[in-house]
Amino acid sequence: MPVIATMDGAEGTCSDRTWPGWSVTLTQPRADASPAAHLETLDERALVAACLDAAFGAFDLLVTRHRRAVYQVCYRFVGNHEDAADLTQDVFLRAYRALGRFKGDSALATWLYRIAVNAALNHVAGRKPALEPLDGHVLQTNEAGPADRLAAVERAIRVRQAVARLPRRQRATLILRVYQDLPHQEIARILGTSVGAAKANFFHALNNLRKLLGREP
């Protein structure tokens, strides 16, 4: 059975180290051959079936296809790369254990988002977010000088602090809509609610965010 770990073990492994501060390592019995090339051509349903059949490299490919989106949504909830990395590994471990219950009623990405949102909300419940001072897009800002860049960083931190204070469902809706750019229909499927409720949650989230930020644009 594949196991998500943080270090390469004595067994054959397949690692990914493209994200800062974390790696996904799926331990498999050592094999000289690389995963079958035909796995790359499989659609989601066929790839899930290959995972359930313990096809070598199948779950590695599933992680590769979806790690970026899962990591991003985790980061938006926890606010720092280290916790997001740990949470991402936990999401894929949960997904592996529950893969047999994936019915294909929704897209695999939707199912993974649902696991990620639930795991993230449980992780941050009752905790003060450990927000990092900088985001990549802030570092790359074209603002004129150091003072402008510092102001942009401070604004980003205040926004994230305000988002962290929103009610659970409003926070999830806002993150999925604004940061992940998902449509309301997709958000409704992820959160198990109606499209109307998803739209209402987003509306209330924006209003509450404005109140929390006061005059902040």
N, C-alpha and C. Protein backbone atom coordinates (compact mmCIF):
# COMPACT_ATOMS: atom_id res chain seq x y z
N MET A 1 0.85 -1.19 0.00
CA MET A 1 0.00 0.00 0.00
C MET A 1 0.88 1.23 0.00
N PRO A 2 0.64 2.20 -0.88
CA PRO A 2 1.42 3.43 -0.86
C PRO A 2 1.25 4.17 0.46
N VAL A 3 2.30 4.82 0.92
CA VAL A 3 2.26 5.59 2.14
C VAL A 3 2.87 6.94 1.86
N ILE A 4 2.17 7.99 2.22
CA ILE A 4 2.71 9.33 2.03
C ILE A 4 3.68 9.62 3.16
N ALA A 5 4.89 10.01 2.83
CA ALA A 5 5.91 10.28 3.82
C ALA A 5 6.64 11.55 3.44
N THR A 6 7.60 11.94 4.27
CA THR A 6 8.34 13.16 4.00
C THR A 6 9.78 12.90 3.62
N MET A 7 10.21 11.65 3.71
CA MET A 7 11.58 11.32 3.36
C MET A 7 11.59 10.05 2.53
N ASP A 8 12.59 9.90 1.69
CA ASP A 8 12.75 8.67 0.95
C ASP A 8 13.17 7.56 1.90
N GLY A 9 12.53 6.40 1.75
CA GLY A 9 12.87 5.27 2.60
C GLY A 9 13.76 4.30 1.87
N ALA A 10 13.92 3.13 2.44
CA ALA A 10 14.79 2.13 1.85
C ALA A 10 14.14 1.48 0.65
N GLU A 11 12.80 1.53 0.61
CA GLU A 11 12.10 0.94 -0.50
C GLU A 11 12.13 1.87 -1.70
N GLY A 12 11.65 1.37 -2.84
CA GLY A 12 11.56 2.22 -4.01
C GLY A 12 10.58 3.35 -3.76
N THR A 13 10.89 4.53 -4.20
CA THR A 13 10.03 5.68 -3.93
C THR A 13 9.84 6.52 -5.18
N CYS A 14 8.82 7.33 -5.11
CA CYS A 14 8.59 8.32 -6.16
C CYS A 14 8.31 9.63 -5.48
N SER A 15 9.21 10.60 -5.59
CA SER A 15 9.12 11.83 -4.81
C SER A 15 8.84 13.03 -5.69
N ASP A 16 8.29 14.05 -5.07
CA ASP A 16 8.11 15.32 -5.74
C ASP A 16 8.56 16.40 -4.79
N ARG A 17 9.46 17.24 -5.21
CA ARG A 17 10.00 18.26 -4.33
C ARG A 17 9.87 19.65 -4.94
N THR A 18 8.82 19.86 -5.70
CA THR A 18 8.67 21.13 -6.39
C THR A 18 8.06 22.19 -5.50
N TRP A 19 7.43 21.80 -4.39
CA TRP A 19 6.82 22.79 -3.51
C TRP A 19 7.75 23.08 -2.35
N PRO A 20 7.85 24.34 -1.92
CA PRO A 20 8.78 24.69 -0.84
C PRO A 20 8.37 24.04 0.46
N GLY A 21 9.32 23.38 1.11
CA GLY A 21 9.10 22.88 2.46
C GLY A 21 8.38 21.58 2.57
N TRP A 22 8.05 20.92 1.47
CA TRP A 22 7.35 19.65 1.61
C TRP A 22 7.64 18.78 0.42
N SER A 23 7.38 17.52 0.60
CA SER A 23 7.50 16.57 -0.50
C SER A 23 6.45 15.49 -0.30
N VAL A 24 6.01 14.92 -1.38
CA VAL A 24 5.11 13.78 -1.33
C VAL A 24 5.89 12.57 -1.79
N THR A 25 6.00 11.58 -0.95
CA THR A 25 6.72 10.36 -1.29
C THR A 25 5.78 9.19 -1.13
N LEU A 26 5.56 8.46 -2.19
CA LEU A 26 4.70 7.30 -2.16
C LEU A 26 5.58 6.06 -2.23
N THR A 27 5.67 5.34 -1.14
CA THR A 27 6.53 4.18 -1.13
C THR A 27 5.84 3.04 -1.83
N GLN A 28 6.60 2.38 -2.70
CA GLN A 28 6.10 1.26 -3.46
C GLN A 28 7.17 0.17 -3.44
N PRO A 29 6.80 -1.07 -3.69
CA PRO A 29 7.83 -2.08 -3.87
C PRO A 29 8.75 -1.63 -4.99
N ARG A 30 10.07 -1.82 -4.79
CA ARG A 30 11.04 -1.36 -5.77
C ARG A 30 10.80 -2.03 -7.12
N ALA A 31 10.83 -1.21 -8.15
CA ALA A 31 10.67 -1.73 -9.50
C ALA A 31 11.66 -1.03 -10.40
N ASP A 32 12.26 -1.76 -11.30
CA ASP A 32 13.25 -1.17 -12.19
C ASP A 32 12.59 -0.33 -13.28
N ALA A 33 11.38 -0.70 -13.65
CA ALA A 33 10.70 0.00 -14.73
C ALA A 33 9.95 1.20 -14.18
N SER A 34 9.85 2.24 -14.97
CA SER A 34 9.07 3.41 -14.60
C SER A 34 7.59 3.08 -14.79
N PRO A 35 6.67 3.91 -14.19
CA PRO A 35 5.24 3.66 -14.36
C PRO A 35 4.87 3.57 -15.83
N ALA A 36 3.92 2.72 -16.13
CA ALA A 36 3.52 2.51 -17.53
C ALA A 36 3.11 3.82 -18.17
N ALA A 37 3.58 4.03 -19.37
CA ALA A 37 3.30 5.29 -20.07
C ALA A 37 1.81 5.46 -20.34
N HIS A 38 1.09 4.35 -20.45
CA HIS A 38 -0.32 4.47 -20.80
C HIS A 38 -1.13 5.12 -19.69
N LEU A 39 -0.59 5.18 -18.46
CA LEU A 39 -1.30 5.84 -17.37
C LEU A 39 -1.57 7.31 -17.68
N GLU A 40 -0.63 7.93 -18.39
CA GLU A 40 -0.77 9.34 -18.72
C GLU A 40 -2.00 9.62 -19.57
N THR A 41 -2.47 8.62 -20.29
CA THR A 41 -3.60 8.82 -21.21
C THR A 41 -4.94 8.53 -20.53
N LEU A 42 -4.92 8.05 -19.32
CA LEU A 42 -6.17 7.67 -18.65
C LEU A 42 -6.96 8.89 -18.21
N ASP A 43 -8.29 8.79 -18.32
CA ASP A 43 -9.14 9.83 -17.75
C ASP A 43 -9.26 9.59 -16.25
N GLU A 44 -9.99 10.46 -15.55
CA GLU A 44 -10.04 10.38 -14.10
C GLU A 44 -10.61 9.07 -13.59
N ARG A 45 -11.72 8.65 -14.17
CA ARG A 45 -12.36 7.42 -13.71
C ARG A 45 -11.43 6.21 -13.90
N ALA A 46 -10.75 6.15 -15.06
CA ALA A 46 -9.84 5.05 -15.33
C ALA A 46 -8.62 5.11 -14.42
N LEU A 47 -8.16 6.33 -14.12
CA LEU A 47 -7.01 6.47 -13.23
C LEU A 47 -7.36 6.02 -11.82
N VAL A 48 -8.55 6.35 -11.35
CA VAL A 48 -8.99 5.88 -10.04
C VAL A 48 -9.05 4.36 -10.01
N ALA A 49 -9.59 3.77 -11.08
CA ALA A 49 -9.65 2.31 -11.16
C ALA A 49 -8.24 1.72 -11.12
N ALA A 50 -7.29 2.37 -11.79
CA ALA A 50 -5.91 1.88 -11.78
C ALA A 50 -5.32 1.98 -10.37
N CYS A 51 -5.65 3.03 -9.66
CA CYS A 51 -5.19 3.15 -8.27
C CYS A 51 -5.74 2.03 -7.41
N LEU A 52 -7.03 1.75 -7.57
CA LEU A 52 -7.66 0.70 -6.78
C LEU A 52 -7.11 -0.68 -7.14
N ASP A 53 -6.62 -0.83 -8.37
CA ASP A 53 -5.99 -2.08 -8.79
C ASP A 53 -4.51 -2.13 -8.41
N ALA A 54 -4.05 -1.09 -7.70
CA ALA A 54 -2.65 -1.01 -7.25
C ALA A 54 -1.67 -0.98 -8.41
N ALA A 55 -2.07 -0.35 -9.51
CA ALA A 55 -1.16 -0.20 -10.64
C ALA A 55 0.00 0.69 -10.24
N PHE A 56 1.21 0.23 -10.52
CA PHE A 56 2.40 0.97 -10.11
C PHE A 56 2.42 2.36 -10.75
N GLY A 57 2.54 3.39 -9.92
CA GLY A 57 2.61 4.76 -10.41
C GLY A 57 1.29 5.45 -10.58
N ALA A 58 0.16 4.74 -10.40
CA ALA A 58 -1.14 5.35 -10.67
C ALA A 58 -1.45 6.46 -9.65
N PHE A 59 -1.24 6.18 -8.38
CA PHE A 59 -1.56 7.20 -7.38
C PHE A 59 -0.55 8.35 -7.44
N ASP A 60 0.69 8.03 -7.80
CA ASP A 60 1.68 9.09 -8.00
C ASP A 60 1.19 10.08 -9.05
N LEU A 61 0.61 9.56 -10.12
CA LEU A 61 0.12 10.40 -11.20
C LEU A 61 -1.08 11.22 -10.74
N LEU A 62 -1.95 10.61 -9.95
CA LEU A 62 -3.10 11.33 -9.40
C LEU A 62 -2.62 12.52 -8.58
N VAL A 63 -1.61 12.29 -7.73
CA VAL A 63 -1.06 13.38 -6.91
C VAL A 63 -0.47 14.46 -7.80
N THR A 64 0.28 14.05 -8.81
CA THR A 64 0.92 15.01 -9.70
C THR A 64 -0.12 15.90 -10.39
N ARG A 65 -1.22 15.32 -10.80
CA ARG A 65 -2.25 16.09 -11.51
C ARG A 65 -2.94 17.11 -10.61
N HIS A 66 -3.06 16.81 -9.34
CA HIS A 66 -3.92 17.63 -8.48
C HIS A 66 -3.20 18.31 -7.32
N ARG A 67 -1.89 18.10 -7.18
CA ARG A 67 -1.19 18.61 -5.99
C ARG A 67 -1.22 20.13 -5.93
N ARG A 68 -1.09 20.80 -7.07
CA ARG A 68 -1.03 22.27 -7.07
C ARG A 68 -2.32 22.87 -6.53
N ALA A 69 -3.46 22.40 -7.04
CA ALA A 69 -4.74 22.96 -6.60
C ALA A 69 -4.99 22.67 -5.13
N VAL A 70 -4.68 21.45 -4.69
CA VAL A 70 -4.88 21.08 -3.29
C VAL A 70 -3.99 21.92 -2.39
N TYR A 71 -2.74 22.07 -2.79
CA TYR A 71 -1.81 22.87 -1.98
C TYR A 71 -2.28 24.32 -1.87
N GLN A 72 -2.73 24.88 -2.97
CA GLN A 72 -3.16 26.28 -2.96
C GLN A 72 -4.34 26.51 -2.03
N VAL A 73 -5.33 25.62 -2.08
CA VAL A 73 -6.49 25.82 -1.22
C VAL A 73 -6.11 25.63 0.25
N CYS A 74 -5.21 24.69 0.54
CA CYS A 74 -4.75 24.50 1.92
C CYS A 74 -4.01 25.74 2.41
N TYR A 75 -3.17 26.30 1.55
CA TYR A 75 -2.41 27.49 1.93
C TYR A 75 -3.34 28.66 2.25
N ARG A 76 -4.41 28.80 1.48
CA ARG A 76 -5.31 29.92 1.71
C ARG A 76 -6.03 29.81 3.04
N PHE A 77 -6.18 28.61 3.55
CA PHE A 77 -6.82 28.43 4.86
C PHE A 77 -5.83 28.63 6.00
N VAL A 78 -4.63 28.09 5.89
CA VAL A 78 -3.71 28.09 7.03
C VAL A 78 -2.75 29.26 7.01
N GLY A 79 -2.48 29.85 5.82
CA GLY A 79 -1.72 31.08 5.77
C GLY A 79 -0.22 30.96 5.85
N ASN A 80 0.33 29.73 5.83
CA ASN A 80 1.78 29.59 5.81
C ASN A 80 2.14 28.29 5.11
N HIS A 81 3.33 28.28 4.52
CA HIS A 81 3.71 27.17 3.65
C HIS A 81 3.94 25.86 4.40
N GLU A 82 4.49 25.93 5.59
CA GLU A 82 4.79 24.70 6.33
C GLU A 82 3.52 23.94 6.68
N ASP A 83 2.55 24.64 7.25
CA ASP A 83 1.28 23.98 7.59
C ASP A 83 0.54 23.52 6.33
N ALA A 84 0.60 24.32 5.27
CA ALA A 84 -0.06 23.95 4.02
C ALA A 84 0.56 22.68 3.45
N ALA A 85 1.89 22.55 3.57
CA ALA A 85 2.57 21.35 3.07
C ALA A 85 2.12 20.12 3.85
N ASP A 86 2.09 20.23 5.18
CA ASP A 86 1.66 19.09 6.00
C ASP A 86 0.21 18.74 5.71
N LEU A 87 -0.62 19.76 5.57
CA LEU A 87 -2.04 19.52 5.34
C LEU A 87 -2.26 18.89 3.97
N THR A 88 -1.49 19.30 2.98
CA THR A 88 -1.61 18.72 1.65
C THR A 88 -1.30 17.23 1.67
N GLN A 89 -0.25 16.85 2.38
CA GLN A 89 0.08 15.44 2.49
C GLN A 89 -1.06 14.67 3.18
N ASP A 90 -1.64 15.29 4.21
CA ASP A 90 -2.75 14.65 4.91
C ASP A 90 -3.96 14.47 3.99
N VAL A 91 -4.22 15.46 3.15
CA VAL A 91 -5.35 15.39 2.22
C VAL A 91 -5.18 14.20 1.27
N PHE A 92 -3.99 14.03 0.71
CA PHE A 92 -3.79 12.94 -0.22
C PHE A 92 -3.78 11.58 0.49
N LEU A 93 -3.35 11.55 1.73
CA LEU A 93 -3.44 10.30 2.48
C LEU A 93 -4.89 9.94 2.73
N ARG A 94 -5.70 10.92 3.09
CA ARG A 94 -7.14 10.69 3.28
C ARG A 94 -7.78 10.25 1.97
N ALA A 95 -7.37 10.89 0.90
CA ALA A 95 -7.93 10.54 -0.41
C ALA A 95 -7.59 9.10 -0.78
N TYR A 96 -6.37 8.69 -0.51
CA TYR A 96 -5.97 7.31 -0.83
C TYR A 96 -6.82 6.31 -0.04
N ARG A 97 -7.00 6.60 1.23
CA ARG A 97 -7.76 5.68 2.08
C ARG A 97 -9.24 5.63 1.69
N ALA A 98 -9.76 6.73 1.15
CA ALA A 98 -11.19 6.79 0.82
C ALA A 98 -11.45 6.59 -0.66
N LEU A 99 -10.44 6.26 -1.44
CA LEU A 99 -10.59 6.22 -2.89
C LEU A 99 -11.66 5.23 -3.34
N GLY A 100 -11.83 4.16 -2.60
CA GLY A 100 -12.84 3.18 -2.96
C GLY A 100 -14.25 3.71 -2.85
N ARG A 101 -14.43 4.83 -2.15
CA ARG A 101 -15.76 5.43 -1.99
C ARG A 101 -16.03 6.53 -3.01
N PHE A 102 -15.05 6.79 -3.87
CA PHE A 102 -15.26 7.78 -4.93
C PHE A 102 -16.14 7.16 -6.01
N LYS A 103 -17.33 7.71 -6.21
CA LYS A 103 -18.32 7.13 -7.12
C LYS A 103 -18.30 7.75 -8.51
N GLY A 104 -17.56 8.81 -8.67
CA GLY A 104 -17.54 9.46 -9.97
C GLY A 104 -18.73 10.35 -10.23
N ASP A 105 -19.53 10.66 -9.20
CA ASP A 105 -20.68 11.54 -9.37
C ASP A 105 -20.24 12.98 -9.67
N SER A 106 -19.05 13.33 -9.22
CA SER A 106 -18.48 14.64 -9.49
C SER A 106 -17.07 14.44 -10.03
N ALA A 107 -16.45 15.52 -10.44
CA ALA A 107 -15.07 15.42 -10.91
C ALA A 107 -14.16 15.05 -9.75
N LEU A 108 -13.06 14.39 -10.07
CA LEU A 108 -12.10 14.01 -9.03
C LEU A 108 -11.57 15.24 -8.32
N ALA A 109 -11.36 16.33 -9.06
CA ALA A 109 -10.88 17.57 -8.45
C ALA A 109 -11.88 18.08 -7.42
N THR A 110 -13.16 18.00 -7.72
CA THR A 110 -14.19 18.43 -6.77
C THR A 110 -14.14 17.60 -5.51
N TRP A 111 -13.99 16.31 -5.67
CA TRP A 111 -13.90 15.40 -4.51
C TRP A 111 -12.69 15.73 -3.65
N LEU A 112 -11.55 16.00 -4.30
CA LEU A 112 -10.33 16.34 -3.56
C LEU A 112 -10.48 17.69 -2.87
N TYR A 113 -11.11 18.65 -3.53
CA TYR A 113 -11.37 19.94 -2.90
C TYR A 113 -12.21 19.75 -1.64
N ARG A 114 -13.21 18.88 -1.72
CA ARG A 114 -14.07 18.65 -0.56
C ARG A 114 -13.26 18.12 0.62
N ILE A 115 -12.38 17.18 0.36
CA ILE A 115 -11.51 16.64 1.41
C ILE A 115 -10.60 17.74 1.95
N ALA A 116 -10.04 18.55 1.06
CA ALA A 116 -9.11 19.60 1.46
C ALA A 116 -9.80 20.66 2.32
N VAL A 117 -11.00 21.07 1.91
CA VAL A 117 -11.72 22.09 2.68
C VAL A 117 -12.07 21.58 4.07
N ASN A 118 -12.58 20.36 4.16
CA ASN A 118 -12.93 19.80 5.47
C ASN A 118 -11.70 19.65 6.35
N ALA A 119 -10.60 19.16 5.77
CA ALA A 119 -9.37 18.99 6.55
C ALA A 119 -8.83 20.34 7.01
N ALA A 120 -8.88 21.35 6.13
CA ALA A 120 -8.36 22.67 6.47
C ALA A 120 -9.21 23.33 7.56
N LEU A 121 -10.53 23.24 7.43
CA LEU A 121 -11.39 23.85 8.45
C LEU A 121 -11.20 23.20 9.81
N ASN A 122 -11.04 21.89 9.82
CA ASN A 122 -10.77 21.21 11.09
C ASN A 122 -9.41 21.59 11.65
N HIS A 123 -8.46 21.79 10.76
CA HIS A 123 -7.10 22.13 11.19
C HIS A 123 -7.05 23.50 11.85
N VAL A 124 -7.78 24.47 11.29
CA VAL A 124 -7.68 25.84 11.79
C VAL A 124 -8.69 26.14 12.87
N ALA A 125 -9.59 25.21 13.17
CA ALA A 125 -10.63 25.46 14.18
C ALA A 125 -10.00 25.81 15.52
N GLY A 126 -10.33 26.99 16.02
CA GLY A 126 -9.84 27.41 17.33
C GLY A 126 -8.39 27.81 17.36
N ARG A 127 -7.73 27.88 16.21
CA ARG A 127 -6.31 28.25 16.18
C ARG A 127 -6.15 29.66 15.63
N LYS A 128 -5.11 30.33 16.10
CA LYS A 128 -4.75 31.62 15.54
C LYS A 128 -3.89 31.36 14.31
N PRO A 129 -4.29 31.87 13.15
CA PRO A 129 -3.53 31.58 11.94
C PRO A 129 -2.10 32.10 12.01
N ALA A 130 -1.13 31.25 11.61
CA ALA A 130 0.28 31.64 11.58
C ALA A 130 0.59 32.21 10.19
N LEU A 131 0.21 33.44 9.98
CA LEU A 131 0.30 34.02 8.65
C LEU A 131 1.73 34.44 8.33
N GLU A 132 2.17 34.06 7.16
CA GLU A 132 3.48 34.50 6.70
C GLU A 132 3.37 35.91 6.15
N PRO A 133 4.43 36.71 6.24
CA PRO A 133 4.34 38.13 5.87
C PRO A 133 4.27 38.38 4.38
N LEU A 134 4.69 37.40 3.55
CA LEU A 134 4.79 37.67 2.13
C LEU A 134 4.09 36.62 1.31
N ASP A 135 3.52 37.05 0.21
CA ASP A 135 2.97 36.17 -0.81
C ASP A 135 3.79 36.37 -2.08
N GLY A 136 3.80 35.35 -2.93
CA GLY A 136 4.56 35.47 -4.17
C GLY A 136 4.15 36.66 -5.00
N HIS A 137 2.82 36.88 -5.09
CA HIS A 137 2.36 37.98 -5.94
C HIS A 137 2.72 39.33 -5.34
N VAL A 138 2.87 39.38 -4.00
CA VAL A 138 3.29 40.62 -3.36
C VAL A 138 4.76 40.90 -3.66
N LEU A 139 5.56 39.85 -3.62
CA LEU A 139 6.99 40.00 -3.93
C LEU A 139 7.21 40.50 -5.34
N GLN A 140 6.31 40.13 -6.25
CA GLN A 140 6.48 40.48 -7.66
C GLN A 140 5.75 41.76 -8.04
N THR A 141 5.29 42.49 -7.05
CA THR A 141 4.52 43.70 -7.34
C THR A 141 5.36 44.72 -8.11
N ASN A 142 4.69 45.50 -8.93
CA ASN A 142 5.36 46.52 -9.71
C ASN A 142 5.25 47.90 -9.06
N GLU A 143 4.84 47.91 -7.80
CA GLU A 143 4.71 49.19 -7.12
C GLU A 143 6.07 49.89 -7.09
N ALA A 144 6.04 51.23 -6.90
CA ALA A 144 7.22 52.04 -7.15
C ALA A 144 8.42 51.72 -6.26
N GLY A 145 8.21 51.62 -4.97
CA GLY A 145 9.37 51.51 -4.10
C GLY A 145 9.11 50.66 -2.89
N PRO A 146 10.12 50.58 -1.97
CA PRO A 146 10.00 49.74 -0.77
C PRO A 146 8.78 50.07 0.08
N ALA A 147 8.45 51.35 0.21
CA ALA A 147 7.31 51.74 1.03
C ALA A 147 6.01 51.20 0.45
N ASP A 148 5.88 51.26 -0.87
CA ASP A 148 4.68 50.74 -1.51
C ASP A 148 4.60 49.22 -1.36
N ARG A 149 5.74 48.54 -1.50
CA ARG A 149 5.74 47.08 -1.35
C ARG A 149 5.39 46.69 0.08
N LEU A 150 5.91 47.43 1.05
CA LEU A 150 5.59 47.15 2.45
C LEU A 150 4.10 47.36 2.70
N ALA A 151 3.53 48.41 2.14
CA ALA A 151 2.10 48.67 2.31
C ALA A 151 1.28 47.54 1.70
N ALA A 152 1.73 47.02 0.54
CA ALA A 152 1.01 45.92 -0.10
C ALA A 152 1.06 44.67 0.77
N VAL A 153 2.21 44.41 1.39
CA VAL A 153 2.35 43.26 2.29
C VAL A 153 1.42 43.40 3.48
N GLU A 154 1.39 44.60 4.06
CA GLU A 154 0.54 44.83 5.24
C GLU A 154 -0.93 44.67 4.89
N ARG A 155 -1.32 45.15 3.71
CA ARG A 155 -2.71 44.98 3.28
C ARG A 155 -3.05 43.50 3.11
N ALA A 156 -2.13 42.74 2.51
CA ALA A 156 -2.37 41.31 2.29
C ALA A 156 -2.55 40.59 3.61
N ILE A 157 -1.75 40.94 4.60
CA ILE A 157 -1.86 40.30 5.91
C ILE A 157 -3.19 40.65 6.57
N ARG A 158 -3.60 41.91 6.48
CA ARG A 158 -4.88 42.31 7.09
C ARG A 158 -6.05 41.60 6.43
N VAL A 159 -6.00 41.44 5.12
CA VAL A 159 -7.06 40.73 4.43
C VAL A 159 -7.11 39.28 4.88
N ARG A 160 -5.96 38.62 4.96
CA ARG A 160 -5.96 37.22 5.37
C ARG A 160 -6.42 37.05 6.81
N GLN A 161 -6.06 38.00 7.68
CA GLN A 161 -6.53 37.94 9.06
C GLN A 161 -8.05 38.09 9.11
N ALA A 162 -8.59 38.97 8.28
CA ALA A 162 -10.04 39.16 8.25
C ALA A 162 -10.73 37.93 7.70
N VAL A 163 -10.19 37.34 6.64
CA VAL A 163 -10.78 36.12 6.07
C VAL A 163 -10.80 35.01 7.11
N ALA A 164 -9.75 34.91 7.92
CA ALA A 164 -9.66 33.86 8.94
C ALA A 164 -10.72 34.02 10.02
N ARG A 165 -11.31 35.21 10.14
CA ARG A 165 -12.32 35.46 11.17
C ARG A 165 -13.74 35.21 10.65
N LEU A 166 -13.90 34.92 9.38
CA LEU A 166 -15.23 34.67 8.84
C LEU A 166 -15.77 33.33 9.33
N PRO A 167 -17.09 33.17 9.39
CA PRO A 167 -17.67 31.85 9.70
C PRO A 167 -17.17 30.80 8.72
N ARG A 168 -17.16 29.55 9.15
CA ARG A 168 -16.53 28.48 8.39
C ARG A 168 -17.01 28.40 6.94
N ARG A 169 -18.31 28.34 6.74
CA ARG A 169 -18.83 28.16 5.39
C ARG A 169 -18.59 29.40 4.53
N GLN A 170 -18.70 30.57 5.13
CA GLN A 170 -18.41 31.80 4.39
C GLN A 170 -16.94 31.85 4.00
N ARG A 171 -16.08 31.46 4.90
CA ARG A 171 -14.65 31.48 4.60
C ARG A 171 -14.33 30.53 3.46
N ALA A 172 -14.89 29.33 3.53
CA ALA A 172 -14.64 28.35 2.48
C ALA A 172 -15.15 28.85 1.13
N THR A 173 -16.34 29.43 1.13
CA THR A 173 -16.92 29.93 -0.11
C THR A 173 -16.07 31.06 -0.69
N LEU A 174 -15.64 31.98 0.15
CA LEU A 174 -14.84 33.10 -0.33
C LEU A 174 -13.52 32.62 -0.90
N ILE A 175 -12.84 31.70 -0.22
CA ILE A 175 -11.55 31.20 -0.70
C ILE A 175 -11.71 30.49 -2.03
N LEU A 176 -12.72 29.65 -2.14
CA LEU A 176 -12.92 28.90 -3.38
C LEU A 176 -13.32 29.81 -4.54
N ARG A 177 -14.08 30.87 -4.23
CA ARG A 177 -14.55 31.76 -5.30
C ARG A 177 -13.48 32.76 -5.72
N VAL A 178 -12.82 33.39 -4.74
CA VAL A 178 -11.89 34.47 -5.04
C VAL A 178 -10.51 33.95 -5.39
N TYR A 179 -9.97 33.06 -4.55
CA TYR A 179 -8.60 32.62 -4.75
C TYR A 179 -8.49 31.46 -5.74
N GLN A 180 -9.46 30.55 -5.71
CA GLN A 180 -9.42 29.42 -6.64
C GLN A 180 -10.22 29.68 -7.92
N ASP A 181 -10.97 30.76 -7.93
CA ASP A 181 -11.72 31.18 -9.12
C ASP A 181 -12.69 30.09 -9.60
N LEU A 182 -13.34 29.43 -8.65
CA LEU A 182 -14.30 28.40 -9.00
C LEU A 182 -15.70 29.00 -9.15
N PRO A 183 -16.51 28.49 -10.06
CA PRO A 183 -17.88 28.99 -10.21
C PRO A 183 -18.74 28.55 -9.04
N HIS A 184 -19.86 29.24 -8.85
CA HIS A 184 -20.74 28.93 -7.72
C HIS A 184 -21.26 27.48 -7.81
N GLN A 185 -21.50 26.99 -9.01
CA GLN A 185 -21.99 25.62 -9.16
C GLN A 185 -20.99 24.61 -8.60
N GLU A 186 -19.71 24.84 -8.89
CA GLU A 186 -18.67 23.95 -8.40
C GLU A 186 -18.52 24.06 -6.89
N ILE A 187 -18.58 25.27 -6.37
CA ILE A 187 -18.49 25.49 -4.93
C ILE A 187 -19.63 24.79 -4.21
N ALA A 188 -20.82 24.85 -4.79
CA ALA A 188 -21.98 24.18 -4.19
C ALA A 188 -21.74 22.68 -4.09
N ARG A 189 -21.17 22.08 -5.14
CA ARG A 189 -20.88 20.64 -5.11
C ARG A 189 -19.82 20.31 -4.07
N ILE A 190 -18.82 21.16 -3.94
CA ILE A 190 -17.74 20.92 -2.97
C ILE A 190 -18.27 20.99 -1.54
N LEU A 191 -19.11 21.98 -1.27
CA LEU A 191 -19.60 22.20 0.09
C LEU A 191 -20.89 21.45 0.38
N GLY A 192 -21.44 20.76 -0.63
CA GLY A 192 -22.65 19.99 -0.41
C GLY A 192 -23.85 20.86 -0.14
N THR A 193 -23.98 21.95 -0.87
CA THR A 193 -25.09 22.87 -0.66
C THR A 193 -25.69 23.24 -2.01
N SER A 194 -26.69 24.10 -2.00
CA SER A 194 -27.31 24.54 -3.25
C SER A 194 -26.52 25.70 -3.84
N VAL A 195 -26.75 25.96 -5.13
CA VAL A 195 -26.09 27.07 -5.78
C VAL A 195 -26.53 28.38 -5.14
N GLY A 196 -27.82 28.47 -4.83
CA GLY A 196 -28.33 29.68 -4.17
C GLY A 196 -27.66 29.93 -2.83
N ALA A 197 -27.46 28.86 -2.06
CA ALA A 197 -26.79 29.00 -0.76
C ALA A 197 -25.34 29.41 -0.94
N ALA A 198 -24.69 28.87 -1.97
CA ALA A 198 -23.29 29.24 -2.23
C ALA A 198 -23.19 30.72 -2.57
N LYS A 199 -24.11 31.22 -3.39
CA LYS A 199 -24.11 32.63 -3.74
C LYS A 199 -24.38 33.50 -2.51
N ALA A 200 -25.31 33.05 -1.68
CA ALA A 200 -25.64 33.81 -0.47
C ALA A 200 -24.45 33.85 0.49
N ASN A 201 -23.77 32.72 0.64
CA ASN A 201 -22.60 32.68 1.51
C ASN A 201 -21.51 33.63 1.02
N PHE A 202 -21.34 33.68 -0.30
CA PHE A 202 -20.34 34.58 -0.86
C PHE A 202 -20.71 36.03 -0.61
N PHE A 203 -21.98 36.36 -0.81
CA PHE A 203 -22.46 37.73 -0.58
C PHE A 203 -22.24 38.14 0.88
N HIS A 204 -22.61 37.25 1.82
CA HIS A 204 -22.44 37.56 3.24
C HIS A 204 -20.96 37.64 3.61
N ALA A 205 -20.14 36.78 2.99
CA ALA A 205 -18.71 36.81 3.27
C ALA A 205 -18.10 38.15 2.88
N LEU A 206 -18.49 38.65 1.70
CA LEU A 206 -17.96 39.94 1.25
C LEU A 206 -18.41 41.07 2.17
N ASN A 207 -19.66 41.05 2.59
CA ASN A 207 -20.16 42.08 3.49
C ASN A 207 -19.43 42.04 4.83
N ASN A 208 -19.26 40.85 5.38
CA ASN A 208 -18.55 40.72 6.65
C ASN A 208 -17.09 41.12 6.52
N LEU A 209 -16.50 40.82 5.37
CA LEU A 209 -15.11 41.19 5.15
C LEU A 209 -14.96 42.71 5.12
N ARG A 210 -15.91 43.37 4.47
CA ARG A 210 -15.87 44.84 4.44
C ARG A 210 -15.98 45.42 5.84
N LYS A 211 -16.83 44.84 6.67
CA LYS A 211 -16.98 45.33 8.04
C LYS A 211 -15.70 45.11 8.84
N LEU A 212 -15.08 43.96 8.66
CA LEU A 212 -13.86 43.66 9.40
C LEU A 212 -12.70 44.55 8.98
N LEU A 213 -12.67 44.90 7.70
CA LEU A 213 -11.56 45.71 7.19
C LEU A 213 -11.82 47.20 7.34
N GLY A 214 -13.04 47.59 7.62
CA GLY A 214 -13.35 49.01 7.79
C GLY A 214 -13.14 49.77 6.50
N ARG A 215 -12.28 50.75 6.52
CA ARG A 215 -12.02 51.58 5.35
C ARG A 215 -11.00 50.97 4.39
N GLU A 216 -10.45 49.82 4.76
CA GLU A 216 -9.45 49.18 3.89
C GLU A 216 -10.06 48.84 2.54
N PRO A 217 -9.45 49.22 1.42
CA PRO A 217 -10.03 48.91 0.10
C PRO A 217 -9.98 47.44 -0.18
